[in-house]
C-alpha atoms as a PDB file:
ATOM      1  CA  MET A   1       0.067   0.161  -0.075  1.00  0.00           C
ATOM      2  CA  ARG A   2       1.416   3.419  -1.180  1.00  0.00           C
ATOM      3  CA  ARG A   3       2.747   5.286   2.272  1.00  0.00           C
ATOM      4  CA  VAL A   4       3.151   9.326   1.697  1.00  0.00           C
ATOM      5  CA  LEU A   5       3.824  11.467   4.903  1.00  0.00           C
ATOM      6  CA  ALA A   6       3.802  15.024   4.509  1.00  0.00           C
ATOM      7  CA  LEU A   7       1.724  18.162   5.141  1.00  0.00           C
ATOM      8  CA  LEU A   8      -0.519  20.439   3.316  1.00  0.00           C
ATOM      9  CA  ALA A   9      -0.179  23.404   5.787  1.00  0.00           C
ATOM     10  CA  VAL A  10       3.737  24.839   4.627  1.00  0.00           C
ATOM     11  CA  ALA A  11       2.632  28.464   5.116  1.00  0.00           C
ATOM     12  CA  THR A  12       2.926  27.571   8.638  1.00  0.00           C
ATOM     13  CA  LEU A  13       6.783  27.249   8.009  1.00  0.00           C
ATOM     14  CA  ALA A  14       6.920  31.377   8.263  1.00  0.00           C
ATOM     15  CA  ILE A  15       8.470  32.245  11.047  1.00  0.00           C
ATOM     16  CA  GLY A  16       8.898  35.057  13.100  1.00  0.00           C
ATOM     17  CA  ALA A  17      12.310  36.244  13.767  1.00  0.00           C
ATOM     18  CA  CYS A  18      14.554  34.772  16.667  1.00  0.00           C
ATOM     19  CA  SER A  19      15.794  36.850  19.554  1.00  0.00           C
ATOM     20  CA  GLY A  20      18.509  36.064  21.824  1.00  0.00           C
ATOM     21  CA  ASP A  21      18.482  37.309  26.049  1.00  0.00           C
ATOM     22  CA  ASP A  22      21.762  38.334  27.402  1.00  0.00           C
ATOM     23  CA  GLY A  23      20.477  36.879  30.966  1.00  0.00           C
ATOM     24  CA  THR A  24      20.506  33.395  29.210  1.00  0.00           C
ATOM     25  CA  GLU A  25      22.613  30.702  30.548  1.00  0.00           C
ATOM     26  CA  SER A  26      25.394  28.824  28.902  1.00  0.00           C
ATOM     27  CA  GLY A  27      23.708  25.107  28.513  1.00  0.00           C
ATOM     28  CA  SER A  28      20.013  23.946  27.844  1.00  0.00           C
ATOM     29  CA  ASP A  29      20.514  22.391  31.665  1.00  0.00           C
ATOM     30  CA  ALA A  30      22.704  24.875  33.175  1.00  0.00           C
ATOM     31  CA  GLY A  31      22.171  27.158  35.800  1.00  0.00           C
ATOM     32  CA  THR A  32      18.996  27.632  38.620  1.00  0.00           C
ATOM     33  CA  ALA A  33      18.551  31.289  38.772  1.00  0.00           C
ATOM     34  CA  ASP A  34      15.394  33.086  37.056  1.00  0.00           C
ATOM     35  CA  THR A  35      15.275  34.117  33.892  1.00  0.00           C
ATOM     36  CA  THR A  36      13.029  36.442  31.414  1.00  0.00           C
ATOM     37  CA  ALA A  37      12.534  35.244  28.106  1.00  0.00           C
ATOM     38  CA  ALA A  38      11.671  37.654  25.003  1.00  0.00           C
ATOM     39  CA  THR A  39       9.158  35.976  22.936  1.00  0.00           C
ATOM     40  CA  ASP A  40       8.250  37.991  20.119  1.00  0.00           C
ATOM     41  CA  GLY A  41       6.648  40.933  21.726  1.00  0.00           C
ATOM     42  CA  THR A  42       5.585  38.849  25.082  1.00  0.00           C
ATOM     43  CA  THR A  43       7.678  38.549  28.262  1.00  0.00           C
ATOM     44  CA  THR A  44       7.888  35.192  29.781  1.00  0.00           C
ATOM     45  CA  THR A  45       9.450  34.341  33.264  1.00  0.00           C
ATOM     46  CA  THR A  46      10.821  31.154  34.737  1.00  0.00           C
ATOM     47  CA  ALA A  47      11.560  30.957  38.387  1.00  0.00           C
ATOM     48  CA  ALA A  48      14.534  28.940  39.974  1.00  0.00           C
ATOM     49  CA  ALA A  49      13.920  25.774  38.259  1.00  0.00           C
ATOM     50  CA  THR A  50      13.387  22.505  39.966  1.00  0.00           C
ATOM     51  CA  ASP A  51      15.436  19.397  39.785  1.00  0.00           C
ATOM     52  CA  PRO A  52      13.240  17.269  37.291  1.00  0.00           C
ATOM     53  CA  ALA A  53      13.272  14.421  39.602  1.00  0.00           C
ATOM     54  CA  ASP A  54      12.437  16.623  42.302  1.00  0.00           C
ATOM     55  CA  VAL A  55       8.886  17.902  40.522  1.00  0.00           C
ATOM     56  CA  ALA A  56       6.170  16.255  42.101  1.00  0.00           C
ATOM     57  CA  ALA A  57       3.559  14.355  40.071  1.00  0.00           C
ATOM     58  CA  ALA A  58       0.200  16.148  39.690  1.00  0.00           C
ATOM     59  CA  PRO A  59      -2.722  13.466  40.218  1.00  0.00           C
ATOM     60  CA  SER A  60      -5.188  13.937  37.007  1.00  0.00           C
ATOM     61  CA  ALA A  61      -9.115  13.667  38.281  1.00  0.00           C
ATOM     62  CA  ALA A  62      -9.706  10.291  37.581  1.00  0.00           C
ATOM     63  CA  CYS A  63      -6.616   9.291  40.631  1.00  0.00           C
ATOM     64  CA  GLU A  64      -9.489   9.381  43.076  1.00  0.00           C
ATOM     65  CA  GLY A  65     -11.548   6.556  41.758  1.00  0.00           C
ATOM     66  CA  ASP A  66     -10.305   2.889  39.813  1.00  0.00           C
ATOM     67  CA  ALA A  67      -7.861   3.026  37.478  1.00  0.00           C
ATOM     68  CA  PRO A  68      -8.560   1.286  34.194  1.00  0.00           C
ATOM     69  CA  ALA A  69      -6.690  -2.264  33.303  1.00  0.00           C
ATOM     70  CA  PRO A  70      -3.796  -1.885  31.280  1.00  0.00           C
ATOM     71  CA  GLY A  71      -3.973  -2.513  27.840  1.00  0.00           C
ATOM     72  CA  ASP A  72      -4.852  -1.358  24.373  1.00  0.00           C
ATOM     73  CA  ARG A  73      -8.357   0.918  23.489  1.00  0.00           C
ATOM     74  CA  GLN A  74      -9.813   2.439  20.844  1.00  0.00           C
ATOM     75  CA  ARG A  75     -12.005   5.378  22.083  1.00  0.00           C
ATOM     76  CA  THR A  76     -13.772   8.542  20.933  1.00  0.00           C
ATOM     77  CA  VAL A  77     -14.358  11.804  22.306  1.00  0.00           C
ATOM     78  CA  THR A  78     -16.822  14.214  21.623  1.00  0.00           C
ATOM     79  CA  SER A  79     -15.098  18.140  20.359  1.00  0.00           C
ATOM     80  CA  GLY A  80     -17.093  20.456  18.811  1.00  0.00           C
ATOM     81  CA  GLY A  81     -19.935  18.371  18.313  1.00  0.00           C
ATOM     82  CA  ASP A  82     -18.388  15.712  16.173  1.00  0.00           C
ATOM     83  CA  GLU A  83     -17.053  12.367  17.913  1.00  0.00           C
ATOM     84  CA  ARG A  84     -13.070  12.284  16.915  1.00  0.00           C
ATOM     85  CA  ALA A  85     -11.519   8.453  17.352  1.00  0.00           C
ATOM     86  CA  TYR A  86      -8.273   7.830  19.390  1.00  0.00           C
ATOM     87  CA  ALA A  87      -6.425   4.527  20.361  1.00  0.00           C
ATOM     88  CA  ILE A  88      -4.754   4.535  23.775  1.00  0.00           C
ATOM     89  CA  THR A  89      -2.530   2.052  25.509  1.00  0.00           C
ATOM     90  CA  VAL A  90      -1.773   2.408  29.107  1.00  0.00           C
ATOM     91  CA  PRO A  91       0.991   0.454  30.799  1.00  0.00           C
ATOM     92  CA  ASP A  92       1.173  -1.757  34.052  1.00  0.00           C
ATOM     93  CA  GLY A  93       2.292   0.600  36.723  1.00  0.00           C
ATOM     94  CA  GLU A  94       1.168   3.120  39.863  1.00  0.00           C
ATOM     95  CA  GLY A  95      -0.100   6.167  38.323  1.00  0.00           C
ATOM     96  CA  PRO A  96      -0.306   8.766  38.620  1.00  0.00           C
ATOM     97  CA  LEU A  97       1.496   8.188  34.911  1.00  0.00           C
ATOM     98  CA  PRO A  98       2.809  10.273  32.285  1.00  0.00           C
ATOM     99  CA  LEU A  99       1.182  10.730  29.205  1.00  0.00           C
ATOM    100  CA  VAL A 100       2.620  11.080  25.381  1.00  0.00           C
ATOM    101  CA  VAL A 101       0.074  12.349  22.280  1.00  0.00           C
ATOM    102  CA  ASP A 102       1.460  11.201  19.027  1.00  0.00           C
ATOM    103  CA  TYR A 103       0.051  12.632  16.033  1.00  0.00           C
ATOM    104  CA  HIS A 104      -0.379  10.948  12.420  1.00  0.00           C
ATOM    105  CA  GLY A 105       1.192  12.533   9.129  1.00  0.00           C
ATOM    106  CA  TYR A 106      -0.901  13.735   6.524  1.00  0.00           C
ATOM    107  CA  SER A 107      -2.695  10.649   4.621  1.00  0.00           C
ATOM    108  CA  GLU A 108      -1.888   7.926   7.014  1.00  0.00           C
ATOM    109  CA  GLY A 109      -4.004   7.832   9.515  1.00  0.00           C
ATOM    110  CA  GLY A 110      -3.325   6.674  13.538  1.00  0.00           C
ATOM    111  CA  ALA A 111      -3.287   2.922  12.888  1.00  0.00           C
ATOM    112  CA  ILE A 112      -0.634   3.416  10.255  1.00  0.00           C
ATOM    113  CA  HIS A 113       1.400   5.645  12.387  1.00  0.00           C
ATOM    114  CA  ALA A 114       1.564   3.615  15.230  1.00  0.00           C
ATOM    115  CA  LEU A 115       3.643   1.476  12.858  1.00  0.00           C
ATOM    116  CA  HIS A 116       6.366   3.896  12.046  1.00  0.00           C
ATOM    117  CA  THR A 117       6.468   5.054  15.532  1.00  0.00           C
ATOM    118  CA  LEU A 118       5.795   1.785  17.743  1.00  0.00           C
ATOM    119  CA  LEU A 119       5.572   4.233  20.575  1.00  0.00           C
ATOM    120  CA  ALA A 120       2.881   2.856  22.030  1.00  0.00           C
ATOM    121  CA  ASP A 121       5.042  -0.611  22.666  1.00  0.00           C
ATOM    122  CA  PHE A 122       7.807   1.584  23.969  1.00  0.00           C
ATOM    123  CA  GLY A 123       5.086   3.204  26.012  1.00  0.00           C
ATOM    124  CA  ARG A 124       4.180   0.014  27.418  1.00  0.00           C
ATOM    125  CA  GLU A 125       8.200  -0.584  27.888  1.00  0.00           C
ATOM    126  CA  GLN A 126       8.979   2.679  30.242  1.00  0.00           C
ATOM    127  CA  GLY A 127       5.351   3.386  32.016  1.00  0.00           C
ATOM    128  CA  PHE A 128       3.761   5.827  29.833  1.00  0.00           C
ATOM    129  CA  VAL A 129       0.257   6.190  28.534  1.00  0.00           C
ATOM    130  CA  THR A 130       0.240   6.739  24.980  1.00  0.00           C
ATOM    131  CA  VAL A 131      -2.545   8.156  23.041  1.00  0.00           C
ATOM    132  CA  THR A 132      -3.332   8.586  19.271  1.00  0.00           C
ATOM    133  CA  PRO A 133      -5.158  10.642  18.181  1.00  0.00           C
ATOM    134  CA  ASP A 134      -6.952   9.992  14.388  1.00  0.00           C
ATOM    135  CA  SER A 135      -8.077  13.290  12.904  1.00  0.00           C
ATOM    136  CA  GLY A 136     -11.058  11.141  10.882  1.00  0.00           C
ATOM    137  CA  TYR A 137     -10.984  13.166   7.411  1.00  0.00           C
ATOM    138  CA  GLU A 138     -11.411  11.670   4.299  1.00  0.00           C
ATOM    139  CA  VAL A 139      -7.804  11.721   3.450  1.00  0.00           C
ATOM    140  CA  PRO A 140      -6.083  12.134   7.213  1.00  0.00           C
ATOM    141  CA  ARG A 141      -4.789  15.317   8.460  1.00  0.00           C
ATOM    142  CA  TRP A 142      -4.591  18.368  10.809  1.00  0.00           C
ATOM    143  CA  ASP A 143      -5.711  21.644  10.733  1.00  0.00           C
ATOM    144  CA  VAL A 144      -2.670  23.833  12.407  1.00  0.00           C
ATOM    145  CA  GLY A 145      -4.425  27.148  11.904  1.00  0.00           C
ATOM    146  CA  GLU A 146      -4.902  29.249  15.246  1.00  0.00           C
ATOM    147  CA  GLY A 147      -7.878  28.202  17.384  1.00  0.00           C
ATOM    148  CA  SER A 148      -8.837  25.007  14.224  1.00  0.00           C
ATOM    149  CA  ARG A 149     -11.046  23.002  15.484  1.00  0.00           C
ATOM    150  CA  ASP A 150      -8.016  20.064  15.798  1.00  0.00           C
ATOM    151  CA  LEU A 151      -6.382  22.656  18.240  1.00  0.00           C
ATOM    152  CA  VAL A 152      -9.807  22.811  19.882  1.00  0.00           C
ATOM    153  CA  MET A 153      -9.745  18.621  19.731  1.00  0.00           C
ATOM    154  CA  PHE A 154      -6.313  18.274  21.829  1.00  0.00           C
ATOM    155  CA  GLY A 155      -7.969  20.231  25.180  1.00  0.00           C
ATOM    156  CA  ASP A 156     -11.228  18.597  25.091  1.00  0.00           C
ATOM    157  CA  LEU A 157      -8.735  14.862  24.585  1.00  0.00           C
ATOM    158  CA  LEU A 158      -7.015  15.735  27.763  1.00  0.00           C
ATOM    159  CA  ASP A 159      -9.617  16.541  29.347  1.00  0.00           C
ATOM    160  CA  GLN A 160     -10.968  13.147  28.930  1.00  0.00           C
ATOM    161  CA  VAL A 161      -8.064  10.836  29.548  1.00  0.00           C
ATOM    162  CA  GLU A 162      -7.279  12.622  32.639  1.00  0.00           C
ATOM    163  CA  ALA A 163     -10.318  12.807  33.769  1.00  0.00           C
ATOM    164  CA  GLU A 164     -10.371   8.556  32.884  1.00  0.00           C
ATOM    165  CA  VAL A 165      -7.111   7.221  33.252  1.00  0.00           C
ATOM    166  CA  CYS A 166      -4.246   8.381  36.436  1.00  0.00           C
ATOM    167  CA  VAL A 167      -2.055  10.480  34.431  1.00  0.00           C
ATOM    168  CA  ASP A 168       0.393  13.250  35.733  1.00  0.00           C
ATOM    169  CA  THR A 169      -0.542  16.199  34.704  1.00  0.00           C
ATOM    170  CA  ASN A 170       2.943  17.917  34.894  1.00  0.00           C
ATOM    171  CA  ARG A 171       4.074  15.487  32.885  1.00  0.00           C
ATOM    172  CA  VAL A 172       1.757  15.466  29.752  1.00  0.00           C
ATOM    173  CA  PHE A 173       4.033  15.065  26.204  1.00  0.00           C
ATOM    174  CA  VAL A 174       3.857  15.654  22.548  1.00  0.00           C
ATOM    175  CA  THR A 175       5.480  13.909  19.292  1.00  0.00           C
ATOM    176  CA  GLY A 176       4.395  13.162  15.921  1.00  0.00           C
ATOM    177  CA  LEU A 177       5.034  12.817  12.479  1.00  0.00           C
ATOM    178  CA  SER A 178       4.885  15.525   9.659  1.00  0.00           C
ATOM    179  CA  ASN A 179       1.833  16.727   9.984  1.00  0.00           C
ATOM    180  CA  GLY A 180       1.464  15.560  12.888  1.00  0.00           C
ATOM    181  CA  ALA A 181       5.201  17.668  13.793  1.00  0.00           C
ATOM    182  CA  PHE A 182       3.444  20.787  12.468  1.00  0.00           C
ATOM    183  CA  MET A 183       0.462  19.530  14.554  1.00  0.00           C
ATOM    184  CA  THR A 184       2.879  18.915  17.516  1.00  0.00           C
ATOM    185  CA  SER A 185       4.630  22.677  17.343  1.00  0.00           C
ATOM    186  CA  ALA A 186       0.659  24.297  17.331  1.00  0.00           C
ATOM    187  CA  VAL A 187      -0.435  22.317  20.306  1.00  0.00           C
ATOM    188  CA  ALA A 188       2.797  23.225  22.323  1.00  0.00           C
ATOM    189  CA  CYS A 189       2.133  26.662  21.451  1.00  0.00           C
ATOM    190  CA  ALA A 190      -1.704  26.764  22.382  1.00  0.00           C
ATOM    191  CA  PHE A 191      -1.392  24.834  25.389  1.00  0.00           C
ATOM    192  CA  SER A 192       1.906  26.097  26.614  1.00  0.00           C
ATOM    193  CA  ASP A 193       0.400  26.222  30.343  1.00  0.00           C
ATOM    194  CA  ARG A 194      -0.295  21.955  29.897  1.00  0.00           C
ATOM    195  CA  VAL A 195       2.063  20.758  27.185  1.00  0.00           C
ATOM    196  CA  ALA A 196       5.596  20.212  29.815  1.00  0.00           C
ATOM    197  CA  ALA A 197       7.792  19.424  26.548  1.00  0.00           C
ATOM    198  CA  ALA A 198       7.556  18.268  22.529  1.00  0.00           C
ATOM    199  CA  ALA A 199       8.926  16.651  19.977  1.00  0.00           C
ATOM    200  CA  PRO A 200       8.416  17.167  15.898  1.00  0.00           C
ATOM    201  CA  VAL A 201       9.909  15.095  13.785  1.00  0.00           C
ATOM    202  CA  ALA A 202      10.438  16.142  10.153  1.00  0.00           C
ATOM    203  CA  GLY A 203       8.711  19.354  10.523  1.00  0.00           C
ATOM    204  CA  ILE A 204       9.249  21.503  13.355  1.00  0.00           C
ATOM    205  CA  THR A 205       7.088  25.059  12.701  1.00  0.00           C
ATOM    206  CA  ASP A 206       7.292  28.366  14.446  1.00  0.00           C
ATOM    207  CA  PRO A 207       3.643  29.146  14.281  1.00  0.00           C
ATOM    208  CA  ASP A 208       3.574  33.369  13.940  1.00  0.00           C
ATOM    209  CA  TRP A 209       0.009  33.223  16.086  1.00  0.00           C
ATOM    210  CA  CYS A 210       2.730  30.985  18.807  1.00  0.00           C
ATOM    211  CA  ALA A 211       2.299  33.272  22.144  1.00  0.00           C
ATOM    212  CA  PHE A 212       3.833  30.565  25.090  1.00  0.00           C
ATOM    213  CA  GLU A 213       2.516  31.658  28.758  1.00  0.00           C
ATOM    214  CA  ARG A 214       5.621  29.433  29.642  1.00  0.00           C
ATOM    215  CA  PRO A 215       8.634  28.202  27.815  1.00  0.00           C
ATOM    216  CA  VAL A 216       8.389  24.837  25.803  1.00  0.00           C
ATOM    217  CA  PRO A 217      11.233  22.583  25.403  1.00  0.00           C
ATOM    218  CA  VAL A 218      11.724  20.947  22.459  1.00  0.00           C
ATOM    219  CA  VAL A 219      13.587  18.161  20.603  1.00  0.00           C
ATOM    220  CA  ALA A 220      13.669  17.776  16.841  1.00  0.00           C
ATOM    221  CA  PHE A 221      14.523  15.663  14.435  1.00  0.00           C
ATOM    222  CA  HIS A 222      14.631  16.126  10.457  1.00  0.00           C
ATOM    223  CA  GLY A 223      16.850  14.809   7.814  1.00  0.00           C
ATOM    224  CA  THR A 224      18.791  16.678   5.450  1.00  0.00           C
ATOM    225  CA  GLU A 225      17.803  14.696   2.326  1.00  0.00           C
ATOM    226  CA  ASP A 226      14.120  15.016   3.274  1.00  0.00           C
ATOM    227  CA  THR A 227      11.890  15.019   0.288  1.00  0.00           C
ATOM    228  CA  PHE A 228       8.540  16.122   1.847  1.00  0.00           C
ATOM    229  CA  ILE A 229       9.476  18.818   3.973  1.00  0.00           C
ATOM    230  CA  ASP A 230      12.840  20.214   2.625  1.00  0.00           C
ATOM    231  CA  PHE A 231      15.798  20.654   5.387  1.00  0.00           C
ATOM    232  CA  GLU A 232      16.849  23.681   3.430  1.00  0.00           C
ATOM    233  CA  GLY A 233      13.146  25.535   3.526  1.00  0.00           C
ATOM    234  CA  GLY A 234       9.666  25.306   1.909  1.00  0.00           C
ATOM    235  CA  ILE A 235       8.456  21.997   0.512  1.00  0.00           C
ATOM    236  CA  GLY A 236       9.833  19.086  -1.774  1.00  0.00           C
ATOM    237  CA  ALA A 237       9.378  17.202  -4.461  1.00  0.00           C
ATOM    238  CA  SER A 238       7.571  14.494  -3.346  1.00  0.00           C
ATOM    239  CA  VAL A 239       4.590  17.203  -2.127  1.00  0.00           C
ATOM    240  CA  ALA A 240       2.972  16.692  -5.500  1.00  0.00           C
ATOM    241  CA  ASP A 241       1.980  12.751  -4.963  1.00  0.00           C
ATOM    242  CA  LEU A 242      -0.230  13.328  -2.283  1.00  0.00           C
ATOM    243  CA  PRO A 243      -3.717  13.498  -2.405  1.00  0.00           C
ATOM    244  CA  THR A 244      -5.678  16.463  -2.336  1.00  0.00           C
ATOM    245  CA  PRO A 245      -8.192  16.882   1.051  1.00  0.00           C
ATOM    246  CA  ASP A 246     -10.926  15.323  -1.283  1.00  0.00           C
ATOM    247  CA  GLY A 247      -8.838  12.374  -2.549  1.00  0.00           C
ATOM    248  CA  GLU A 248      -9.795  13.379  -6.051  1.00  0.00           C
ATOM    249  CA  GLY A 249      -6.525  13.926  -6.895  1.00  0.00           C
ATOM    250  CA  THR A 250      -2.849  14.886  -6.101  1.00  0.00           C
ATOM    251  CA  LEU A 251      -1.354  17.920  -5.044  1.00  0.00           C
ATOM    252  CA  GLY A 252       0.904  18.252  -8.051  1.00  0.00           C
ATOM    253  CA  GLU A 253      -2.051  18.086 -10.476  1.00  0.00           C
ATOM    254  CA  GLN A 254      -4.144  20.228  -8.668  1.00  0.00           C
ATOM    255  CA  PRO A 255      -1.494  22.797  -6.869  1.00  0.00           C
ATOM    256  CA  ASP A 256      -4.952  25.207  -6.450  1.00  0.00           C
ATOM    257  CA  ALA A 257      -6.925  22.767  -4.288  1.00  0.00           C
ATOM    258  CA  ASP A 258      -8.605  24.124  -1.943  1.00  0.00           C
ATOM    259  CA  ALA A 259      -6.613  24.320   1.760  1.00  0.00           C
ATOM    260  CA  VAL A 260      -3.505  24.434  -0.072  1.00  0.00           C
ATOM    261  CA  GLY A 261      -3.402  27.914  -2.235  1.00  0.00           C
ATOM    262  CA  ASP A 262      -0.300  28.833  -3.228  1.00  0.00           C
ATOM    263  CA  ALA A 263       1.839  26.662  -1.339  1.00  0.00           C
ATOM    264  CA  ALA A 264       3.766  24.461  -4.126  1.00  0.00           C
ATOM    265  CA  ASP A 265       5.167  28.210  -5.309  1.00  0.00           C
ATOM    266  CA  ILE A 266       6.364  28.568  -1.822  1.00  0.00           C
ATOM    267  CA  THR A 267      10.420  28.601  -2.348  1.00  0.00           C
ATOM    268  CA  ASP A 268      11.770  31.250   0.584  1.00  0.00           C
ATOM    269  CA  SER A 269      10.171  29.232   3.716  1.00  0.00           C
ATOM    270  CA  PRO A 270      13.218  29.607   6.481  1.00  0.00           C
ATOM    271  CA  SER A 271      15.284  26.418   6.239  1.00  0.00           C
ATOM    272  CA  ILE A 272      14.727  23.789   9.216  1.00  0.00           C
ATOM    273  CA  PRO A 273      17.699  25.404  11.404  1.00  0.00           C
ATOM    274  CA  GLU A 274      16.424  28.779  11.484  1.00  0.00           C
ATOM    275  CA  VAL A 275      12.599  27.510  12.268  1.00  0.00           C
ATOM    276  CA  THR A 276      14.407  25.889  15.067  1.00  0.00           C
ATOM    277  CA  ALA A 277      16.350  28.881  15.788  1.00  0.00           C
ATOM    278  CA  ALA A 278      13.370  30.901  15.577  1.00  0.00           C
ATOM    279  CA  TRP A 279      11.481  28.483  18.854  1.00  0.00           C
ATOM    280  CA  ALA A 280      14.818  28.979  20.637  1.00  0.00           C
ATOM    281  CA  GLY A 281      14.596  32.480  20.302  1.00  0.00           C
ATOM    282  CA  ARG A 282      10.696  31.920  21.565  1.00  0.00           C
ATOM    283  CA  ASN A 283      11.990  29.980  24.387  1.00  0.00           C
ATOM    284  CA  GLY A 284      13.997  32.392  25.519  1.00  0.00           C
ATOM    285  CA  CYS A 285      17.468  31.066  24.160  1.00  0.00           C
ATOM    286  CA  GLU A 286      20.259  32.823  22.626  1.00  0.00           C
ATOM    287  CA  PRO A 287      20.660  32.382  19.020  1.00  0.00           C
ATOM    288  CA  GLU A 288      23.485  30.816  17.965  1.00  0.00           C
ATOM    289  CA  ALA A 289      22.905  26.348  18.360  1.00  0.00           C
ATOM    290  CA  ASP A 290      26.119  24.533  19.478  1.00  0.00           C
ATOM    291  CA  GLU A 291      26.745  21.597  17.497  1.00  0.00           C
ATOM    292  CA  GLU A 292      28.251  18.261  18.306  1.00  0.00           C
ATOM    293  CA  ARG A 293      28.719  15.047  16.257  1.00  0.00           C
ATOM    294  CA  VAL A 294      26.484  12.266  17.983  1.00  0.00           C
ATOM    295  CA  ALA A 295      26.854   9.549  15.224  1.00  0.00           C
ATOM    296  CA  ASP A 296      28.489   9.189  12.002  1.00  0.00           C
ATOM    297  CA  ASP A 297      25.848  10.480  10.667  1.00  0.00           C
ATOM    298  CA  VAL A 298      23.532  12.326  13.208  1.00  0.00           C
ATOM    299  CA  LEU A 299      24.440  16.086  14.438  1.00  0.00           C
ATOM    300  CA  LEU A 300      22.882  17.737  17.646  1.00  0.00           C
ATOM    301  CA  GLN A 301      22.238  21.371  17.376  1.00  0.00           C
ATOM    302  CA  THR A 302      21.729  22.572  21.458  1.00  0.00           C
ATOM    303  CA  PHE A 303      20.952  26.089  21.891  1.00  0.00           C
ATOM    304  CA  PRO A 304      21.774  27.889  25.589  1.00  0.00           C
ATOM    305  CA  CYS A 305      18.846  28.134  26.414  1.00  0.00           C
ATOM    306  CA  PRO A 306      17.074  28.867  30.345  1.00  0.00           C
ATOM    307  CA  VAL A 307      17.097  26.258  32.653  1.00  0.00           C
ATOM    308  CA  GLY A 308      13.104  24.499  31.630  1.00  0.00           C
ATOM    309  CA  ALA A 309      13.239  25.758  27.766  1.00  0.00           C
ATOM    310  CA  ALA A 310      15.889  23.407  26.133  1.00  0.00           C
ATOM    311  CA  THR A 311      15.781  23.414  22.463  1.00  0.00           C
ATOM    312  CA  GLU A 312      17.608  21.096  20.312  1.00  0.00           C
ATOM    313  CA  LEU A 313      17.738  19.931  16.832  1.00  0.00           C
ATOM    314  CA  TYR A 314      19.100  16.611  15.648  1.00  0.00           C
ATOM    315  CA  VAL A 315      19.922  16.966  12.045  1.00  0.00           C
ATOM    316  CA  VAL A 316      20.201  13.183  10.679  1.00  0.00           C
ATOM    317  CA  GLU A 317      22.976  13.318   7.371  1.00  0.00           C
ATOM    318  CA  GLY A 318      21.180  11.618   4.349  1.00  0.00           C
ATOM    319  CA  GLY A 319      17.988  11.008   6.424  1.00  0.00           C
ATOM    320  CA  GLY A 320      15.106  11.113   4.678  1.00  0.00           C
ATOM    321  CA  HIS A 321      10.978  11.649   5.766  1.00  0.00           C
ATOM    322  CA  THR A 322      11.369   9.440   8.467  1.00  0.00           C
ATOM    323  CA  TRP A 323      11.666   8.481  12.315  1.00  0.00           C
ATOM    324  CA  PRO A 324      14.723   7.482  13.289  1.00  0.00           C
ATOM    325  CA  GLY A 325      15.093   4.190  14.280  1.00  0.00           C
ATOM    326  CA  SER A 326      11.593   3.376  12.750  1.00  0.00           C
ATOM    327  CA  GLU A 327      11.861  -0.552  11.400  1.00  0.00           C
ATOM    328  CA  PHE A 328       8.415  -0.051   9.349  1.00  0.00           C
ATOM    329  CA  ASP A 329       9.913   3.085   7.719  1.00  0.00           C
ATOM    330  CA  GLU A 330      12.764   1.033   6.399  1.00  0.00           C
ATOM    331  CA  THR A 331      10.056  -1.268   4.356  1.00  0.00           C
ATOM    332  CA  ILE A 332       9.267   2.052   2.808  1.00  0.00           C
ATOM    333  CA  GLY A 333      12.539   3.817   1.924  1.00  0.00           C
ATOM    334  CA  ASP A 334      11.241   3.532  -1.861  1.00  0.00           C
ATOM    335  CA  ILE A 335       9.207   6.385  -0.686  1.00  0.00           C
ATOM    336  CA  VAL A 336      10.242   8.245   2.415  1.00  0.00           C
ATOM    337  CA  GLY A 337      14.272   8.132   2.049  1.00  0.00           C
ATOM    338  CA  GLU A 338      17.054   7.021   3.743  1.00  0.00           C
ATOM    339  CA  VAL A 339      16.309   5.924   7.918  1.00  0.00           C
ATOM    340  CA  THR A 340      18.857   6.175  10.133  1.00  0.00           C
ATOM    341  CA  ARG A 341      19.457   3.761  13.000  1.00  0.00           C
ATOM    342  CA  SER A 342      22.319   5.575  14.654  1.00  0.00           C
ATOM    343  CA  ILE A 343      19.702   7.365  17.364  1.00  0.00           C
ATOM    344  CA  ASP A 344      16.043   6.028  18.211  1.00  0.00           C
ATOM    345  CA  ALA A 345      13.998   8.898  18.377  1.00  0.00           C
ATOM    346  CA  ASN A 346      11.660   7.532  20.750  1.00  0.00           C
ATOM    347  CA  GLU A 347      14.634   6.664  23.077  1.00  0.00           C
ATOM    348  CA  LEU A 348      15.730   9.895  22.931  1.00  0.00           C
ATOM    349  CA  MET A 349      12.774  11.717  22.991  1.00  0.00           C
ATOM    350  CA  TRP A 350      12.011   9.665  26.186  1.00  0.00           C
ATOM    351  CA  GLU A 351      15.138  10.521  27.701  1.00  0.00           C
ATOM    352  CA  PHE A 352      14.504  14.639  27.084  1.00  0.00           C
ATOM    353  CA  PHE A 353      10.810  14.557  28.190  1.00  0.00           C
ATOM    354  CA  GLN A 354      11.591  12.832  31.644  1.00  0.00           C
ATOM    355  CA  ALA A 355      14.108  15.916  31.593  1.00  0.00           C
ATOM    356  CA  HIS A 356      11.557  18.813  31.121  1.00  0.00           C
ATOM    357  CA  PRO A 357       8.427  18.102  33.274  1.00  0.00           C
ATOM    358  CA  LEU A 358       6.496  20.578  33.548  1.00  0.00           C
ATOM    359  CA  GLN A 359       7.987  23.220  36.408  1.00  0.00           C
ATOM    360  CA  PRO A 360       5.895  24.350  39.234  1.00  0.00           C
END
């Protein structure tokens, strides 16, 4: 079955200028001093940070009742008058449990996306709840615009999960691939008061409407040979093969299709490192990243940030539009490109998430 991954709303790749802060600490986890982070016209103040291990769990409402049995379930949530589907995996273990919401890419849906990430299986091993929402559109996709019905859905979904499963509201995280990475970025902006940290894969964005209530730590992953979301900026040639939102053609055949607009003509969107730098600026970090080779084919860019505002980008040299470490992506390499096995996105994002709970 043909698998297509990328995104429609490439206009959201547009970013604001990033700004440094003379008061920032050197290194993403350095220091505990109070820091004020400039964020595109707004100001966010972070208090002296608590060691992650000392951030107490914040039990959700469900912790006062009987916990659901561990296992996999298909559920729906009512949002905006519509029933929206999601899968949830609850691991063995005493609550409150961390929660990771994992967003699928364009045209794939939750079930196929789960094969890419195997995040539910990983969460079962590591002891966190995994939720994989399904958009439910004819061609699966997410609307990442400010105030969209899909962003509203996230709030309703989180309310329902917290009411039914004993989760730790200080440890709610979000990730996703491609269009799901766009959604991850948008959710982190819209729900910065509830999302502790984010991990967009192959599609970090910095929405121009974003206004944090608090900095949101982010770890991103992107391949330099991504033919869907170009590492150097804009969209790649492979987007032309994606279906239109109504499923009646391809974007290459109908570049002016509804919800696509002039996306095919965008050539000057910022590069992925520039987008990440803009996010770093919103987090109050310094504008220039430190770079470290962590594998033969992987560079890690780390911005000097205030405590609790870490911003990192794993650059996969030669990598395609893939989830690092995914065995499934290796089977569709003719579509998505090269998959690195030098790093594992699940392991790295979980390590990052554990280090960045919602600070009190």
